[in-house]
Full PDB file with SEQRES, HELIX, SHEET, SSBOND, CRYST1, ORIGX, SCALE, CONECT and MASTER records, all heavy atoms in Angstrom:
SEQRES   1 A   32  PHE VAL LEU GLN PRO LEU LEU GLU ILE VAL ALA ASP CYS          
SEQRES   2 A   32  VAL ILE PRO GLY ARG GLY SER ALA VAL ALA CYS LEU ALA          
SEQRES   3 A   32  ALA CYS ALA GLU GLN PRO                                      
HELIX    1 AA1 LEU A    3  ILE A    9  1                                   7    
HELIX    2 AA2 ALA A   21  ALA A   26  1                                   6    
SHEET    1 AA1 2 VAL A  14  ILE A  15  0                                        
SHEET    2 AA1 2 GLY A  19  SER A  20 -1                                        
CRYST1    1.000    1.000    1.000  90.00  90.00  90.00 P 1           1          
ORIGX1      1.000000  0.000000  0.000000        0.00000                         
ORIGX2      0.000000  1.000000  0.000000        0.00000                         
ORIGX3      0.000000  0.000000  1.000000        0.00000                         
SCALE1      1.000000  0.000000  0.000000        0.00000                         
SCALE2      0.000000  1.000000  0.000000        0.00000                         
SCALE3      0.000000  0.000000  1.000000        0.00000                         
ATOM      1  N   PHE A   1     -64.580 129.134  79.378  1.00  0.00           N  
ATOM      2  CA  PHE A   1     -65.673 129.071  78.407  1.00  0.00           C  
ATOM      3  C   PHE A   1     -67.047 129.109  79.066  1.00  0.00           C  
ATOM      4  O   PHE A   1     -68.046 129.313  78.388  1.00  0.00           O  
ATOM      5  CB  PHE A   1     -65.545 127.862  77.478  1.00  0.00           C  
ATOM      6  CG  PHE A   1     -65.681 126.513  78.139  1.00  0.00           C  
ATOM      7  CD1 PHE A   1     -66.922 125.968  78.403  1.00  0.00           C  
ATOM      8  CD2 PHE A   1     -64.551 125.771  78.465  1.00  0.00           C  
ATOM      9  CE1 PHE A   1     -67.046 124.713  78.993  1.00  0.00           C  
ATOM     10  CE2 PHE A   1     -64.659 124.523  79.043  1.00  0.00           C  
ATOM     11  CZ  PHE A   1     -65.912 123.993  79.311  1.00  0.00           C  
ATOM     12  N   VAL A   2     -67.101 128.943  80.374  1.00  0.00           N  
ATOM     13  CA  VAL A   2     -68.338 129.122  81.136  1.00  0.00           C  
ATOM     14  C   VAL A   2     -68.368 130.503  81.772  1.00  0.00           C  
ATOM     15  O   VAL A   2     -69.364 131.217  81.710  1.00  0.00           O  
ATOM     16  CB  VAL A   2     -68.468 128.023  82.222  1.00  0.00           C  
ATOM     17  CG1 VAL A   2     -69.568 128.364  83.216  1.00  0.00           C  
ATOM     18  CG2 VAL A   2     -68.711 126.661  81.593  1.00  0.00           C  
ATOM     19  N   LEU A   3     -67.255 130.884  82.382  1.00  0.00           N  
ATOM     20  CA  LEU A   3     -67.210 132.125  83.169  1.00  0.00           C  
ATOM     21  C   LEU A   3     -67.358 133.378  82.312  1.00  0.00           C  
ATOM     22  O   LEU A   3     -68.090 134.296  82.682  1.00  0.00           O  
ATOM     23  CB  LEU A   3     -65.913 132.171  83.971  1.00  0.00           C  
ATOM     24  CG  LEU A   3     -65.787 131.084  85.036  1.00  0.00           C  
ATOM     25  CD1 LEU A   3     -64.352 130.993  85.533  1.00  0.00           C  
ATOM     26  CD2 LEU A   3     -66.762 131.331  86.179  1.00  0.00           C  
ATOM     27  N   GLN A   4     -66.679 133.442  81.173  1.00  0.00           N  
ATOM     28  CA  GLN A   4     -66.754 134.639  80.335  1.00  0.00           C  
ATOM     29  C   GLN A   4     -68.177 134.919  79.847  1.00  0.00           C  
ATOM     30  O   GLN A   4     -68.677 136.032  80.013  1.00  0.00           O  
ATOM     31  CB  GLN A   4     -65.782 134.547  79.156  1.00  0.00           C  
ATOM     32  CG  GLN A   4     -65.762 135.773  78.263  1.00  0.00           C  
ATOM     33  CD  GLN A   4     -65.269 137.006  78.994  1.00  0.00           C  
ATOM     34  OE1 GLN A   4     -64.253 136.958  79.675  1.00  0.00           O  
ATOM     35  NE2 GLN A   4     -65.978 138.106  78.884  1.00  0.00           N  
ATOM     36  N   PRO A   5     -68.868 133.929  79.264  1.00  0.00           N  
ATOM     37  CA  PRO A   5     -70.246 134.218  78.847  1.00  0.00           C  
ATOM     38  C   PRO A   5     -71.183 134.458  80.032  1.00  0.00           C  
ATOM     39  O   PRO A   5     -72.109 135.270  79.926  1.00  0.00           O  
ATOM     40  CB  PRO A   5     -70.658 132.991  78.036  1.00  0.00           C  
ATOM     41  CG  PRO A   5     -69.623 131.960  78.261  1.00  0.00           C  
ATOM     42  CD  PRO A   5     -68.403 132.631  78.772  1.00  0.00           C  
ATOM     43  N   LEU A   6     -70.942 133.816  81.155  1.00  0.00           N  
ATOM     44  CA  LEU A   6     -71.753 134.058  82.351  1.00  0.00           C  
ATOM     45  C   LEU A   6     -71.600 135.504  82.809  1.00  0.00           C  
ATOM     46  O   LEU A   6     -72.590 136.190  83.090  1.00  0.00           O  
ATOM     47  CB  LEU A   6     -71.347 133.095  83.468  1.00  0.00           C  
ATOM     48  CG  LEU A   6     -72.017 133.283  84.825  1.00  0.00           C  
ATOM     49  CD1 LEU A   6     -73.516 133.040  84.724  1.00  0.00           C  
ATOM     50  CD2 LEU A   6     -71.379 132.357  85.856  1.00  0.00           C  
ATOM     51  N   LEU A   7     -70.380 135.990  82.846  1.00  0.00           N  
ATOM     52  CA  LEU A   7     -70.121 137.368  83.276  1.00  0.00           C  
ATOM     53  C   LEU A   7     -70.665 138.384  82.278  1.00  0.00           C  
ATOM     54  O   LEU A   7     -70.993 139.504  82.649  1.00  0.00           O  
ATOM     55  CB  LEU A   7     -68.627 137.579  83.514  1.00  0.00           C  
ATOM     56  CG  LEU A   7     -68.104 136.918  84.787  1.00  0.00           C  
ATOM     57  CD1 LEU A   7     -66.586 136.850  84.777  1.00  0.00           C  
ATOM     58  CD2 LEU A   7     -68.616 137.659  86.020  1.00  0.00           C  
ATOM     59  N   GLU A   8     -70.778 137.994  81.031  1.00  0.00           N  
ATOM     60  CA  GLU A   8     -71.392 138.864  80.022  1.00  0.00           C  
ATOM     61  C   GLU A   8     -72.866 139.127  80.377  1.00  0.00           C  
ATOM     62  O   GLU A   8     -73.382 140.209  80.135  1.00  0.00           O  
ATOM     63  CB  GLU A   8     -71.276 138.185  78.657  1.00  0.00           C  
ATOM     64  CG  GLU A   8     -71.754 138.991  77.499  1.00  0.00           C  
ATOM     65  CD  GLU A   8     -71.616 138.225  76.191  1.00  0.00           C  
ATOM     66  OE1 GLU A   8     -70.583 137.547  75.974  1.00  0.00           O  
ATOM     67  OE2 GLU A   8     -72.558 138.299  75.393  1.00  0.00           O  
ATOM     68  N   ILE A   9     -73.513 138.136  80.966  1.00  0.00           N  
ATOM     69  CA  ILE A   9     -74.918 138.246  81.344  1.00  0.00           C  
ATOM     70  C   ILE A   9     -75.083 138.933  82.690  1.00  0.00           C  
ATOM     71  O   ILE A   9     -75.950 139.778  82.861  1.00  0.00           O  
ATOM     72  CB  ILE A   9     -75.572 136.847  81.368  1.00  0.00           C  
ATOM     73  CG1 ILE A   9     -75.616 136.264  79.960  1.00  0.00           C  
ATOM     74  CG2 ILE A   9     -76.972 136.913  81.969  1.00  0.00           C  
ATOM     75  CD1 ILE A   9     -76.094 134.828  79.916  1.00  0.00           C  
ATOM     76  N   VAL A  10     -74.260 138.557  83.666  1.00  0.00           N  
ATOM     77  CA  VAL A  10     -74.372 139.114  85.015  1.00  0.00           C  
ATOM     78  C   VAL A  10     -72.966 139.415  85.542  1.00  0.00           C  
ATOM     79  O   VAL A  10     -72.265 138.531  86.005  1.00  0.00           O  
ATOM     80  CB  VAL A  10     -75.195 138.200  85.963  1.00  0.00           C  
ATOM     81  CG1 VAL A  10     -74.628 136.813  86.081  1.00  0.00           C  
ATOM     82  CG2 VAL A  10     -75.378 138.813  87.312  1.00  0.00           C  
ATOM     83  N   ALA A  11     -72.573 140.675  85.421  1.00  0.00           N  
ATOM     84  CA  ALA A  11     -71.197 141.099  85.681  1.00  0.00           C  
ATOM     85  C   ALA A  11     -70.760 140.916  87.134  1.00  0.00           C  
ATOM     86  O   ALA A  11     -69.570 140.775  87.404  1.00  0.00           O  
ATOM     87  CB  ALA A  11     -71.010 142.559  85.263  1.00  0.00           C  
ATOM     88  N   ASP A  12     -71.704 140.900  88.063  1.00  0.00           N  
ATOM     89  CA  ASP A  12     -71.339 140.772  89.481  1.00  0.00           C  
ATOM     90  C   ASP A  12     -71.669 139.379  90.025  1.00  0.00           C  
ATOM     91  O   ASP A  12     -71.911 139.203  91.214  1.00  0.00           O  
ATOM     92  CB  ASP A  12     -72.033 141.848  90.311  1.00  0.00           C  
ATOM     93  CG  ASP A  12     -73.551 141.772  90.232  1.00  0.00           C  
ATOM     94  OD1 ASP A  12     -74.076 141.007  89.388  1.00  0.00           O  
ATOM     95  OD2 ASP A  12     -74.218 142.472  91.012  1.00  0.00           O  
ATOM     96  N   CYS A  13     -71.634 138.375  89.177  1.00  0.00           N  
ATOM     97  CA  CYS A  13     -71.993 137.014  89.563  1.00  0.00           C  
ATOM     98  C   CYS A  13     -71.080 136.491  90.672  1.00  0.00           C  
ATOM     99  O   CYS A  13     -69.851 136.635  90.622  1.00  0.00           O  
ATOM    100  CB  CYS A  13     -71.901 136.090  88.357  1.00  0.00           C  
ATOM    101  SG  CYS A  13     -72.381 134.398  88.728  1.00  0.00           S  
ATOM    102  N   VAL A  14     -71.712 135.858  91.652  1.00  0.00           N  
ATOM    103  CA  VAL A  14     -71.007 135.169  92.723  1.00  0.00           C  
ATOM    104  C   VAL A  14     -71.403 133.703  92.659  1.00  0.00           C  
ATOM    105  O   VAL A  14     -72.586 133.376  92.562  1.00  0.00           O  
ATOM    106  CB  VAL A  14     -71.362 135.766  94.103  1.00  0.00           C  
ATOM    107  CG1 VAL A  14     -70.738 134.959  95.222  1.00  0.00           C  
ATOM    108  CG2 VAL A  14     -70.923 137.224  94.174  1.00  0.00           C  
ATOM    109  N   ILE A  15     -70.409 132.837  92.695  1.00  0.00           N  
ATOM    110  CA  ILE A  15     -70.646 131.397  92.657  1.00  0.00           C  
ATOM    111  C   ILE A  15     -70.663 130.893  94.093  1.00  0.00           C  
ATOM    112  O   ILE A  15     -69.641 130.997  94.789  1.00  0.00           O  
ATOM    113  CB  ILE A  15     -69.549 130.685  91.838  1.00  0.00           C  
ATOM    114  CG1 ILE A  15     -69.490 131.251  90.415  1.00  0.00           C  
ATOM    115  CG2 ILE A  15     -69.788 129.181  91.821  1.00  0.00           C  
ATOM    116  CD1 ILE A  15     -68.275 130.821  89.620  1.00  0.00           C  
ATOM    117  N   PRO A  16     -71.799 130.385  94.557  1.00  0.00           N  
ATOM    118  CA  PRO A  16     -71.878 129.921  95.943  1.00  0.00           C  
ATOM    119  C   PRO A  16     -70.754 128.927  96.276  1.00  0.00           C  
ATOM    120  O   PRO A  16     -70.500 127.981  95.527  1.00  0.00           O  
ATOM    121  CB  PRO A  16     -73.246 129.244  96.020  1.00  0.00           C  
ATOM    122  CG  PRO A  16     -74.058 129.931  94.969  1.00  0.00           C  
ATOM    123  CD  PRO A  16     -73.075 130.207  93.850  1.00  0.00           C  
ATOM    124  N   GLY A  17     -70.061 129.196  97.356  1.00  0.00           N  
ATOM    125  CA  GLY A  17     -68.970 128.335  97.782  1.00  0.00           C  
ATOM    126  C   GLY A  17     -67.656 128.592  97.082  1.00  0.00           C  
ATOM    127  O   GLY A  17     -66.623 128.017  97.445  1.00  0.00           O  
ATOM    128  N   ARG A  18     -67.643 129.457  96.070  1.00  0.00           N  
ATOM    129  CA  ARG A  18     -66.429 129.726  95.281  1.00  0.00           C  
ATOM    130  C   ARG A  18     -66.049 131.196  95.258  1.00  0.00           C  
ATOM    131  O   ARG A  18     -64.901 131.540  95.067  1.00  0.00           O  
ATOM    132  CB  ARG A  18     -66.579 129.237  93.840  1.00  0.00           C  
ATOM    133  CG  ARG A  18     -66.787 127.772  93.700  1.00  0.00           C  
ATOM    134  CD  ARG A  18     -65.550 127.016  94.081  1.00  0.00           C  
ATOM    135  NE  ARG A  18     -65.768 125.583  93.955  1.00  0.00           N  
ATOM    136  CZ  ARG A  18     -64.859 124.687  94.249  1.00  0.00           C  
ATOM    137  NH1 ARG A  18     -63.676 125.042  94.677  1.00  0.00           N  
ATOM    138  NH2 ARG A  18     -65.150 123.404  94.117  1.00  0.00           N  
ATOM    139  N   GLY A  19     -67.046 132.071  95.345  1.00  0.00           N  
ATOM    140  CA  GLY A  19     -66.776 133.507  95.335  1.00  0.00           C  
ATOM    141  C   GLY A  19     -67.065 134.144  93.993  1.00  0.00           C  
ATOM    142  O   GLY A  19     -67.816 133.621  93.172  1.00  0.00           O  
ATOM    143  N   SER A  20     -66.415 135.263  93.764  1.00  0.00           N  
ATOM    144  CA  SER A  20     -66.640 136.083  92.579  1.00  0.00           C  
ATOM    145  C   SER A  20     -66.265 135.335  91.297  1.00  0.00           C  
ATOM    146  O   SER A  20     -65.168 134.787  91.176  1.00  0.00           O  
ATOM    147  CB  SER A  20     -65.799 137.354  92.703  1.00  0.00           C  
ATOM    148  OG  SER A  20     -65.599 137.955  91.459  1.00  0.00           O  
ATOM    149  N   ALA A  21     -67.177 135.369  90.324  1.00  0.00           N  
ATOM    150  CA  ALA A  21     -66.884 134.763  89.024  1.00  0.00           C  
ATOM    151  C   ALA A  21     -65.752 135.518  88.322  1.00  0.00           C  
ATOM    152  O   ALA A  21     -64.982 134.919  87.566  1.00  0.00           O  
ATOM    153  CB  ALA A  21     -68.138 134.730  88.157  1.00  0.00           C  
ATOM    154  N   VAL A  22     -65.629 136.813  88.590  1.00  0.00           N  
ATOM    155  CA  VAL A  22     -64.532 137.599  88.015  1.00  0.00           C  
ATOM    156  C   VAL A  22     -63.196 137.055  88.497  1.00  0.00           C  
ATOM    157  O   VAL A  22     -62.260 136.868  87.709  1.00  0.00           O  
ATOM    158  CB  VAL A  22     -64.674 139.099  88.362  1.00  0.00           C  
ATOM    159  CG1 VAL A  22     -63.434 139.875  87.991  1.00  0.00           C  
ATOM    160  CG2 VAL A  22     -65.904 139.686  87.674  1.00  0.00           C  
ATOM    161  N   ALA A  23     -63.084 136.779  89.789  1.00  0.00           N  
ATOM    162  CA  ALA A  23     -61.843 136.227  90.344  1.00  0.00           C  
ATOM    163  C   ALA A  23     -61.574 134.832  89.788  1.00  0.00           C  
ATOM    164  O   ALA A  23     -60.421 134.493  89.478  1.00  0.00           O  
ATOM    165  CB  ALA A  23     -61.917 136.196  91.868  1.00  0.00           C  
ATOM    166  N   CYS A  24     -62.610 134.038  89.638  1.00  0.00           N  
ATOM    167  CA  CYS A  24     -62.440 132.699  89.059  1.00  0.00           C  
ATOM    168  C   CYS A  24     -61.943 132.790  87.623  1.00  0.00           C  
ATOM    169  O   CYS A  24     -61.058 132.027  87.212  1.00  0.00           O  
ATOM    170  CB  CYS A  24     -63.758 131.920  89.122  1.00  0.00           C  
ATOM    171  SG  CYS A  24     -64.306 131.487  90.774  1.00  0.00           S  
ATOM    172  N   LEU A  25     -62.490 133.732  86.855  1.00  0.00           N  
ATOM    173  CA  LEU A  25     -62.057 133.900  85.465  1.00  0.00           C  
ATOM    174  C   LEU A  25     -60.597 134.324  85.406  1.00  0.00           C  
ATOM    175  O   LEU A  25     -59.837 133.854  84.553  1.00  0.00           O  
ATOM    176  CB  LEU A  25     -62.943 134.915  84.736  1.00  0.00           C  
ATOM    177  CG  LEU A  25     -62.600 135.158  83.270  1.00  0.00           C  
ATOM    178  CD1 LEU A  25     -62.689 133.874  82.448  1.00  0.00           C  
ATOM    179  CD2 LEU A  25     -63.514 136.225  82.676  1.00  0.00           C  
ATOM    180  N   ALA A  26     -60.175 135.197  86.314  1.00  0.00           N  
ATOM    181  CA  ALA A  26     -58.769 135.624  86.344  1.00  0.00           C  
ATOM    182  C   ALA A  26     -57.845 134.430  86.551  1.00  0.00           C  
ATOM    183  O   ALA A  26     -56.737 134.386  85.998  1.00  0.00           O  
ATOM    184  CB  ALA A  26     -58.568 136.673  87.424  1.00  0.00           C  
ATOM    185  N   ALA A  27     -58.294 133.444  87.321  1.00  0.00           N  
ATOM    186  CA  ALA A  27     -57.483 132.247  87.562  1.00  0.00           C  
ATOM    187  C   ALA A  27     -57.442 131.326  86.338  1.00  0.00           C  
ATOM    188  O   ALA A  27     -56.637 130.400  86.295  1.00  0.00           O  
ATOM    189  CB  ALA A  27     -58.030 131.494  88.770  1.00  0.00           C  
ATOM    190  N   CYS A  28     -58.289 131.590  85.339  1.00  0.00           N  
ATOM    191  CA  CYS A  28     -58.349 130.783  84.107  1.00  0.00           C  
ATOM    192  C   CYS A  28     -57.732 131.525  82.921  1.00  0.00           C  
ATOM    193  O   CYS A  28     -58.040 131.199  81.767  1.00  0.00           O  
ATOM    194  CB  CYS A  28     -59.798 130.445  83.775  1.00  0.00           C  
ATOM    195  SG  CYS A  28     -60.677 129.514  85.010  1.00  0.00           S  
ATOM    196  N   ALA A  29     -56.911 132.506  83.189  1.00  0.00           N  
ATOM    197  CA  ALA A  29     -56.395 133.379  82.136  1.00  0.00           C  
ATOM    198  C   ALA A  29     -55.652 132.629  81.031  1.00  0.00           C  
ATOM    199  O   ALA A  29     -55.586 133.106  79.894  1.00  0.00           O  
ATOM    200  CB  ALA A  29     -55.493 134.449  82.740  1.00  0.00           C  
ATOM    201  N   GLU A  30     -55.133 131.447  81.317  1.00  0.00           N  
ATOM    202  CA  GLU A  30     -54.381 130.691  80.312  1.00  0.00           C  
ATOM    203  C   GLU A  30     -55.293 129.948  79.336  1.00  0.00           C  
ATOM    204  O   GLU A  30     -54.811 129.360  78.372  1.00  0.00           O  
ATOM    205  CB  GLU A  30     -53.418 129.706  80.987  1.00  0.00           C  
ATOM    206  CG  GLU A  30     -54.053 128.437  81.528  1.00  0.00           C  
ATOM    207  CD  GLU A  30     -54.900 128.595  82.802  1.00  0.00           C  
ATOM    208  OE1 GLU A  30     -54.921 129.683  83.403  1.00  0.00           O  
ATOM    209  OE2 GLU A  30     -55.552 127.617  83.186  1.00  0.00           O  
ATOM    210  N   GLN A  31     -56.591 129.976  79.558  1.00  0.00           N  
ATOM    211  CA  GLN A  31     -57.542 129.279  78.687  1.00  0.00           C  
ATOM    212  C   GLN A  31     -58.076 130.252  77.622  1.00  0.00           C  
ATOM    213  O   GLN A  31     -58.916 131.078  77.927  1.00  0.00           O  
ATOM    214  CB  GLN A  31     -58.705 128.729  79.513  1.00  0.00           C  
ATOM    215  CG  GLN A  31     -58.315 127.706  80.539  1.00  0.00           C  
ATOM    216  CD  GLN A  31     -59.510 127.296  81.392  1.00  0.00           C  
ATOM    217  OE1 GLN A  31     -60.657 127.416  80.982  1.00  0.00           O  
ATOM    218  NE2 GLN A  31     -59.214 126.803  82.583  1.00  0.00           N  
ATOM    219  N   PRO A  32     -57.606 130.116  76.392  1.00  0.00           N  
ATOM    220  CA  PRO A  32     -58.065 131.053  75.361  1.00  0.00           C  
ATOM    221  C   PRO A  32     -59.494 130.763  74.917  1.00  0.00           C  
ATOM    222  O   PRO A  32     -59.946 129.632  74.897  1.00  0.00           O  
ATOM    223  CB  PRO A  32     -57.088 130.799  74.214  1.00  0.00           C  
ATOM    224  CG  PRO A  32     -56.640 129.397  74.407  1.00  0.00           C  
ATOM    225  CD  PRO A  32     -56.647 129.143  75.896  1.00  0.00           C  
TER     226      PRO A  32                                                      
MASTER        0    0    0    2    2    0    0    6  225    1    0    3          
END                                                                             
């Protein structure tokens, strides 16, 4: 619920210390 709207604003977002927001969102796929 944070990553999807964040990526809507900035598609290539990188989270310092965590990496790509796209990769983080993929790890949250079970959260509808």
